[in-house]
N, C-alpha and C. Protein backbone atom coordinates (compact mmCIF):
# COMPACT_ATOMS: atom_id res chain seq x y z
N MET A 1 -12.01 10.72 -22.85
CA MET A 1 -11.83 10.56 -24.28
C MET A 1 -12.94 9.67 -24.86
N PHE A 2 -13.33 8.67 -24.11
CA PHE A 2 -14.40 7.80 -24.61
C PHE A 2 -15.66 8.60 -24.90
N GLU A 3 -16.03 9.46 -23.97
CA GLU A 3 -17.27 10.23 -24.13
C GLU A 3 -17.15 11.22 -25.28
N LEU A 4 -15.99 11.83 -25.45
CA LEU A 4 -15.78 12.77 -26.55
C LEU A 4 -15.91 12.07 -27.90
N ILE A 5 -15.22 10.96 -28.07
CA ILE A 5 -15.27 10.22 -29.33
C ILE A 5 -16.67 9.67 -29.58
N ASN A 6 -17.31 9.17 -28.54
CA ASN A 6 -18.67 8.66 -28.65
C ASN A 6 -19.62 9.75 -29.12
N THR A 7 -19.51 10.93 -28.55
CA THR A 7 -20.37 12.06 -28.93
C THR A 7 -20.09 12.49 -30.37
N LEU A 8 -18.83 12.55 -30.76
CA LEU A 8 -18.49 12.95 -32.13
C LEU A 8 -19.05 11.96 -33.15
N ILE A 9 -18.97 10.67 -32.85
CA ILE A 9 -19.50 9.67 -33.77
C ILE A 9 -21.03 9.79 -33.86
N THR A 10 -21.69 10.00 -32.73
CA THR A 10 -23.14 10.15 -32.73
C THR A 10 -23.57 11.37 -33.54
N VAL A 11 -22.88 12.49 -33.35
CA VAL A 11 -23.21 13.70 -34.11
C VAL A 11 -22.95 13.48 -35.60
N ALA A 12 -21.85 12.82 -35.94
CA ALA A 12 -21.55 12.56 -37.34
C ALA A 12 -22.64 11.68 -37.98
N LEU A 13 -23.09 10.67 -37.27
CA LEU A 13 -24.16 9.82 -37.80
C LEU A 13 -25.46 10.59 -37.94
N PHE A 14 -25.72 11.48 -37.01
CA PHE A 14 -26.92 12.32 -37.08
C PHE A 14 -26.85 13.25 -38.30
N VAL A 15 -25.69 13.85 -38.54
CA VAL A 15 -25.51 14.73 -39.70
C VAL A 15 -25.69 13.94 -40.99
N ILE A 16 -25.15 12.73 -41.03
CA ILE A 16 -25.33 11.89 -42.22
C ILE A 16 -26.80 11.58 -42.44
N ALA A 17 -27.54 11.30 -41.37
CA ALA A 17 -28.97 11.02 -41.49
C ALA A 17 -29.71 12.25 -42.01
N VAL A 18 -29.35 13.43 -41.54
CA VAL A 18 -29.98 14.66 -42.02
C VAL A 18 -29.62 14.87 -43.49
N TYR A 19 -28.38 14.64 -43.84
CA TYR A 19 -27.93 14.84 -45.21
C TYR A 19 -28.64 13.89 -46.18
N LEU A 20 -28.99 12.71 -45.70
CA LEU A 20 -29.69 11.76 -46.56
C LEU A 20 -31.16 12.12 -46.76
N GLY A 21 -31.63 13.17 -46.08
CA GLY A 21 -32.96 13.69 -46.36
C GLY A 21 -34.07 13.21 -45.46
N LYS A 22 -33.77 12.63 -44.34
CA LYS A 22 -34.83 12.21 -43.43
C LYS A 22 -35.33 13.44 -42.67
N ALA A 23 -36.59 13.44 -42.29
CA ALA A 23 -37.16 14.62 -41.63
C ALA A 23 -37.80 14.24 -40.30
N GLY A 24 -37.90 15.22 -39.40
CA GLY A 24 -38.59 15.06 -38.12
C GLY A 24 -37.94 14.03 -37.23
N PHE A 25 -38.78 13.20 -36.60
CA PHE A 25 -38.31 12.20 -35.65
C PHE A 25 -37.47 11.13 -36.33
N GLU A 26 -37.58 11.03 -37.63
CA GLU A 26 -36.87 9.99 -38.37
C GLU A 26 -35.35 10.20 -38.35
N TYR A 27 -34.87 11.36 -37.87
CA TYR A 27 -33.43 11.56 -37.73
C TYR A 27 -32.81 10.50 -36.83
N PHE A 28 -33.57 10.05 -35.85
CA PHE A 28 -33.04 9.11 -34.86
C PHE A 28 -33.21 7.66 -35.29
N ILE A 29 -33.81 7.43 -36.41
CA ILE A 29 -33.99 6.08 -36.91
C ILE A 29 -32.76 5.71 -37.75
N GLY A 30 -32.34 4.49 -37.67
CA GLY A 30 -31.23 4.05 -38.50
C GLY A 30 -29.92 4.00 -37.75
N LEU A 31 -28.85 4.43 -38.41
CA LEU A 31 -27.50 4.31 -37.85
C LEU A 31 -27.32 5.03 -36.51
N PRO A 32 -27.80 6.29 -36.35
CA PRO A 32 -27.60 6.92 -35.04
C PRO A 32 -28.23 6.13 -33.90
N LEU A 33 -29.44 5.64 -34.10
CA LEU A 33 -30.11 4.86 -33.05
C LEU A 33 -29.38 3.55 -32.78
N LEU A 34 -28.97 2.88 -33.83
CA LEU A 34 -28.23 1.62 -33.65
C LEU A 34 -26.92 1.86 -32.90
N TYR A 35 -26.23 2.94 -33.24
CA TYR A 35 -24.96 3.23 -32.56
C TYR A 35 -25.19 3.54 -31.08
N VAL A 36 -26.20 4.33 -30.78
CA VAL A 36 -26.49 4.66 -29.37
C VAL A 36 -26.85 3.40 -28.60
N LEU A 37 -27.64 2.54 -29.19
CA LEU A 37 -28.00 1.28 -28.51
C LEU A 37 -26.78 0.37 -28.34
N ALA A 38 -25.90 0.36 -29.34
CA ALA A 38 -24.71 -0.50 -29.24
C ALA A 38 -23.72 0.00 -28.19
N THR A 39 -23.70 1.29 -27.94
CA THR A 39 -22.75 1.84 -26.97
C THR A 39 -23.39 2.14 -25.61
N ALA A 40 -24.63 1.72 -25.40
CA ALA A 40 -25.30 1.99 -24.12
C ALA A 40 -24.62 1.28 -22.96
N ILE A 41 -24.30 0.01 -23.12
CA ILE A 41 -23.68 -0.75 -22.02
C ILE A 41 -22.26 -0.27 -21.75
N PRO A 42 -21.41 -0.04 -22.77
CA PRO A 42 -20.09 0.52 -22.47
C PRO A 42 -20.16 1.90 -21.82
N SER A 43 -21.13 2.71 -22.20
CA SER A 43 -21.29 4.03 -21.59
C SER A 43 -21.68 3.91 -20.12
N LEU A 44 -22.57 2.98 -19.83
CA LEU A 44 -22.97 2.74 -18.44
C LEU A 44 -21.79 2.22 -17.63
N ALA A 45 -21.00 1.32 -18.21
CA ALA A 45 -19.82 0.79 -17.52
C ALA A 45 -18.81 1.90 -17.24
N LYS A 46 -18.64 2.81 -18.18
CA LYS A 46 -17.73 3.94 -17.99
C LYS A 46 -18.21 4.84 -16.85
N LEU A 47 -19.51 5.07 -16.80
CA LEU A 47 -20.08 5.90 -15.74
C LEU A 47 -19.92 5.24 -14.37
N VAL A 48 -20.15 3.94 -14.29
CA VAL A 48 -19.99 3.24 -13.01
C VAL A 48 -18.52 3.25 -12.58
N ARG A 49 -17.61 3.06 -13.52
CA ARG A 49 -16.18 3.10 -13.19
C ARG A 49 -15.77 4.48 -12.69
N ARG A 50 -16.34 5.52 -13.29
CA ARG A 50 -16.04 6.88 -12.84
C ARG A 50 -16.59 7.11 -11.43
N LEU A 51 -17.77 6.59 -11.14
CA LEU A 51 -18.31 6.70 -9.79
C LEU A 51 -17.44 5.95 -8.79
N HIS A 52 -16.91 4.80 -9.19
CA HIS A 52 -16.01 4.06 -8.30
C HIS A 52 -14.73 4.84 -8.04
N ASP A 53 -14.25 5.61 -9.02
CA ASP A 53 -13.07 6.44 -8.81
C ASP A 53 -13.29 7.47 -7.72
N THR A 54 -14.54 7.93 -7.58
CA THR A 54 -14.86 8.93 -6.55
C THR A 54 -15.41 8.28 -5.29
N ASN A 55 -15.25 6.96 -5.16
CA ASN A 55 -15.66 6.20 -3.98
C ASN A 55 -17.18 6.23 -3.76
N HIS A 56 -17.93 6.13 -4.86
CA HIS A 56 -19.38 6.02 -4.80
C HIS A 56 -19.79 4.71 -5.48
N SER A 57 -20.86 4.13 -4.98
CA SER A 57 -21.37 2.89 -5.56
C SER A 57 -21.94 3.16 -6.95
N GLY A 58 -21.92 2.15 -7.78
CA GLY A 58 -22.50 2.26 -9.12
C GLY A 58 -24.01 2.47 -9.09
N TRP A 59 -24.63 2.15 -7.98
CA TRP A 59 -26.07 2.35 -7.85
C TRP A 59 -26.44 3.83 -7.87
N TRP A 60 -25.47 4.72 -7.69
CA TRP A 60 -25.74 6.15 -7.76
C TRP A 60 -26.20 6.57 -9.15
N VAL A 61 -26.02 5.72 -10.15
CA VAL A 61 -26.52 6.02 -11.50
C VAL A 61 -28.03 6.21 -11.46
N LEU A 62 -28.70 5.49 -10.58
CA LEU A 62 -30.16 5.57 -10.51
C LEU A 62 -30.66 6.92 -10.00
N ILE A 63 -29.79 7.73 -9.39
CA ILE A 63 -30.23 9.04 -8.92
C ILE A 63 -30.59 9.95 -10.08
N SER A 64 -30.12 9.61 -11.27
CA SER A 64 -30.46 10.43 -12.43
C SER A 64 -31.95 10.35 -12.76
N ALA A 65 -32.68 9.41 -12.17
CA ALA A 65 -34.13 9.31 -12.38
C ALA A 65 -34.90 10.38 -11.61
N VAL A 66 -34.26 11.01 -10.62
CA VAL A 66 -34.90 12.08 -9.87
C VAL A 66 -34.84 13.34 -10.73
N PRO A 67 -35.99 13.94 -11.04
CA PRO A 67 -35.97 15.10 -11.94
C PRO A 67 -35.13 16.27 -11.40
N PHE A 68 -34.43 16.92 -12.29
CA PHE A 68 -33.62 18.12 -12.07
C PHE A 68 -32.42 17.90 -11.15
N ILE A 69 -32.64 17.55 -9.90
CA ILE A 69 -31.54 17.47 -8.93
C ILE A 69 -30.71 16.20 -9.11
N GLY A 70 -31.33 15.10 -9.55
CA GLY A 70 -30.62 13.83 -9.71
C GLY A 70 -29.49 13.91 -10.73
N PRO A 71 -29.78 14.36 -11.96
CA PRO A 71 -28.69 14.49 -12.94
C PRO A 71 -27.61 15.48 -12.50
N LEU A 72 -28.01 16.51 -11.77
CA LEU A 72 -27.02 17.48 -11.28
C LEU A 72 -26.07 16.84 -10.27
N ILE A 73 -26.61 16.05 -9.36
CA ILE A 73 -25.78 15.35 -8.39
C ILE A 73 -24.84 14.37 -9.09
N LEU A 74 -25.37 13.63 -10.06
CA LEU A 74 -24.55 12.68 -10.81
C LEU A 74 -23.45 13.41 -11.59
N PHE A 75 -23.78 14.56 -12.17
CA PHE A 75 -22.78 15.36 -12.88
C PHE A 75 -21.67 15.81 -11.94
N ILE A 76 -22.02 16.26 -10.76
CA ILE A 76 -21.02 16.71 -9.78
C ILE A 76 -20.11 15.56 -9.39
N TYR A 77 -20.68 14.38 -9.17
CA TYR A 77 -19.86 13.21 -8.81
C TYR A 77 -18.90 12.82 -9.93
N THR A 78 -19.32 13.00 -11.17
CA THR A 78 -18.46 12.56 -12.27
C THR A 78 -17.39 13.57 -12.65
N VAL A 79 -17.58 14.84 -12.35
CA VAL A 79 -16.56 15.82 -12.72
C VAL A 79 -15.55 16.09 -11.60
N LYS A 80 -15.87 15.70 -10.39
CA LYS A 80 -14.91 15.93 -9.31
C LYS A 80 -13.74 14.96 -9.44
N ASP A 81 -12.61 15.36 -8.90
CA ASP A 81 -11.41 14.54 -8.98
C ASP A 81 -11.60 13.27 -8.15
N GLY A 82 -11.02 12.18 -8.61
CA GLY A 82 -11.12 10.92 -7.89
C GLY A 82 -10.41 10.98 -6.55
N ASP A 83 -10.74 10.04 -5.68
CA ASP A 83 -10.10 9.98 -4.37
C ASP A 83 -8.63 9.59 -4.53
N PRO A 84 -7.73 10.34 -3.89
CA PRO A 84 -6.32 9.94 -3.97
C PRO A 84 -6.08 8.67 -3.16
N GLY A 85 -5.23 7.82 -3.67
CA GLY A 85 -4.94 6.57 -2.97
C GLY A 85 -6.02 5.54 -3.20
N GLU A 86 -5.93 4.47 -2.46
CA GLU A 86 -6.86 3.35 -2.61
C GLU A 86 -8.17 3.66 -1.89
N ASN A 87 -9.30 3.29 -2.50
CA ASN A 87 -10.58 3.40 -1.83
C ASN A 87 -11.23 2.01 -1.78
N SER A 88 -12.49 1.94 -1.41
CA SER A 88 -13.14 0.64 -1.24
C SER A 88 -13.36 -0.09 -2.58
N PHE A 89 -13.14 0.59 -3.71
CA PHE A 89 -13.34 -0.03 -5.02
C PHE A 89 -12.03 -0.36 -5.72
N GLY A 90 -10.91 -0.11 -5.07
CA GLY A 90 -9.63 -0.47 -5.66
C GLY A 90 -8.62 0.66 -5.60
N PRO A 91 -7.46 0.45 -6.22
CA PRO A 91 -6.40 1.46 -6.18
C PRO A 91 -6.72 2.66 -7.08
N ASP A 92 -6.02 3.74 -6.84
CA ASP A 92 -6.18 4.97 -7.61
C ASP A 92 -5.56 4.76 -8.99
N PRO A 93 -6.34 4.89 -10.08
CA PRO A 93 -5.78 4.67 -11.41
C PRO A 93 -4.71 5.68 -11.78
N LYS A 94 -4.82 6.90 -11.30
CA LYS A 94 -3.80 7.91 -11.59
C LYS A 94 -2.49 7.57 -10.91
N ALA A 95 -2.55 7.01 -9.73
CA ALA A 95 -1.33 6.65 -9.02
C ALA A 95 -0.61 5.53 -9.75
N LEU A 96 -1.35 4.60 -10.33
CA LEU A 96 -0.73 3.51 -11.07
C LEU A 96 -0.03 4.04 -12.32
N VAL A 97 -0.64 4.97 -13.01
CA VAL A 97 -0.03 5.54 -14.21
C VAL A 97 1.21 6.34 -13.84
N ALA A 98 1.14 7.13 -12.79
CA ALA A 98 2.27 7.95 -12.38
C ALA A 98 3.45 7.09 -11.94
N ALA A 99 3.20 5.94 -11.35
CA ALA A 99 4.28 5.07 -10.89
C ALA A 99 4.97 4.38 -12.07
N ASP A 100 4.26 4.17 -13.17
CA ASP A 100 4.83 3.49 -14.33
C ASP A 100 5.65 4.40 -15.24
N VAL A 101 5.51 5.71 -15.09
CA VAL A 101 6.21 6.65 -15.96
C VAL A 101 7.62 6.87 -15.42
N PRO A 102 8.63 6.69 -16.27
CA PRO A 102 10.00 6.93 -15.79
C PRO A 102 10.25 8.41 -15.56
N LYS A 103 11.26 8.71 -14.76
CA LYS A 103 11.61 10.09 -14.48
C LYS A 103 12.13 10.75 -15.76
N MET A 104 11.97 12.06 -15.87
CA MET A 104 12.34 12.79 -17.08
C MET A 104 13.83 12.64 -17.40
N GLY A 105 14.67 12.52 -16.41
CA GLY A 105 16.10 12.43 -16.65
C GLY A 105 16.50 11.17 -17.41
N TYR A 106 15.66 10.13 -17.39
CA TYR A 106 15.97 8.88 -18.06
C TYR A 106 15.40 8.79 -19.47
N LEU A 107 14.56 9.75 -19.85
CA LEU A 107 13.93 9.67 -21.15
C LEU A 107 14.87 10.07 -22.30
N ALA A 108 15.72 11.06 -22.06
CA ALA A 108 16.58 11.57 -23.15
C ALA A 108 17.91 12.02 -22.56
N PRO A 109 18.95 11.95 -23.35
CA PRO A 109 20.24 12.44 -22.86
C PRO A 109 20.21 13.96 -22.73
N PRO A 110 21.10 14.51 -21.93
CA PRO A 110 21.13 15.97 -21.78
C PRO A 110 21.42 16.65 -23.12
N LEU A 111 20.98 17.89 -23.26
CA LEU A 111 21.12 18.62 -24.51
C LEU A 111 22.47 19.30 -24.68
N SER A 112 23.41 19.16 -23.78
CA SER A 112 24.68 19.88 -23.86
C SER A 112 25.58 19.40 -24.93
């Protein structure tokens, strides 16, 4: 959700910059650039946390510097499902959420 909302805000700022009449490279000057710079560290933290979910070190972010194959490897690591159970970076976040949710029978009385 973070990445979706971040992308939507960036596109909206870009559209506003275009609507205000800037041309060429100047589309990236102003609010869109400031927003991307302001969200660079949270985006990197989100990526490292996602790599930790798949039991990979955060240093794997640097593989994106390898042309063509590096970003592909990083993409594969980020879209695959996280390791079930605890790994070397901590407990499974999905397991914690599933344990906190009450059983369906306790949420509402029967419909009879």
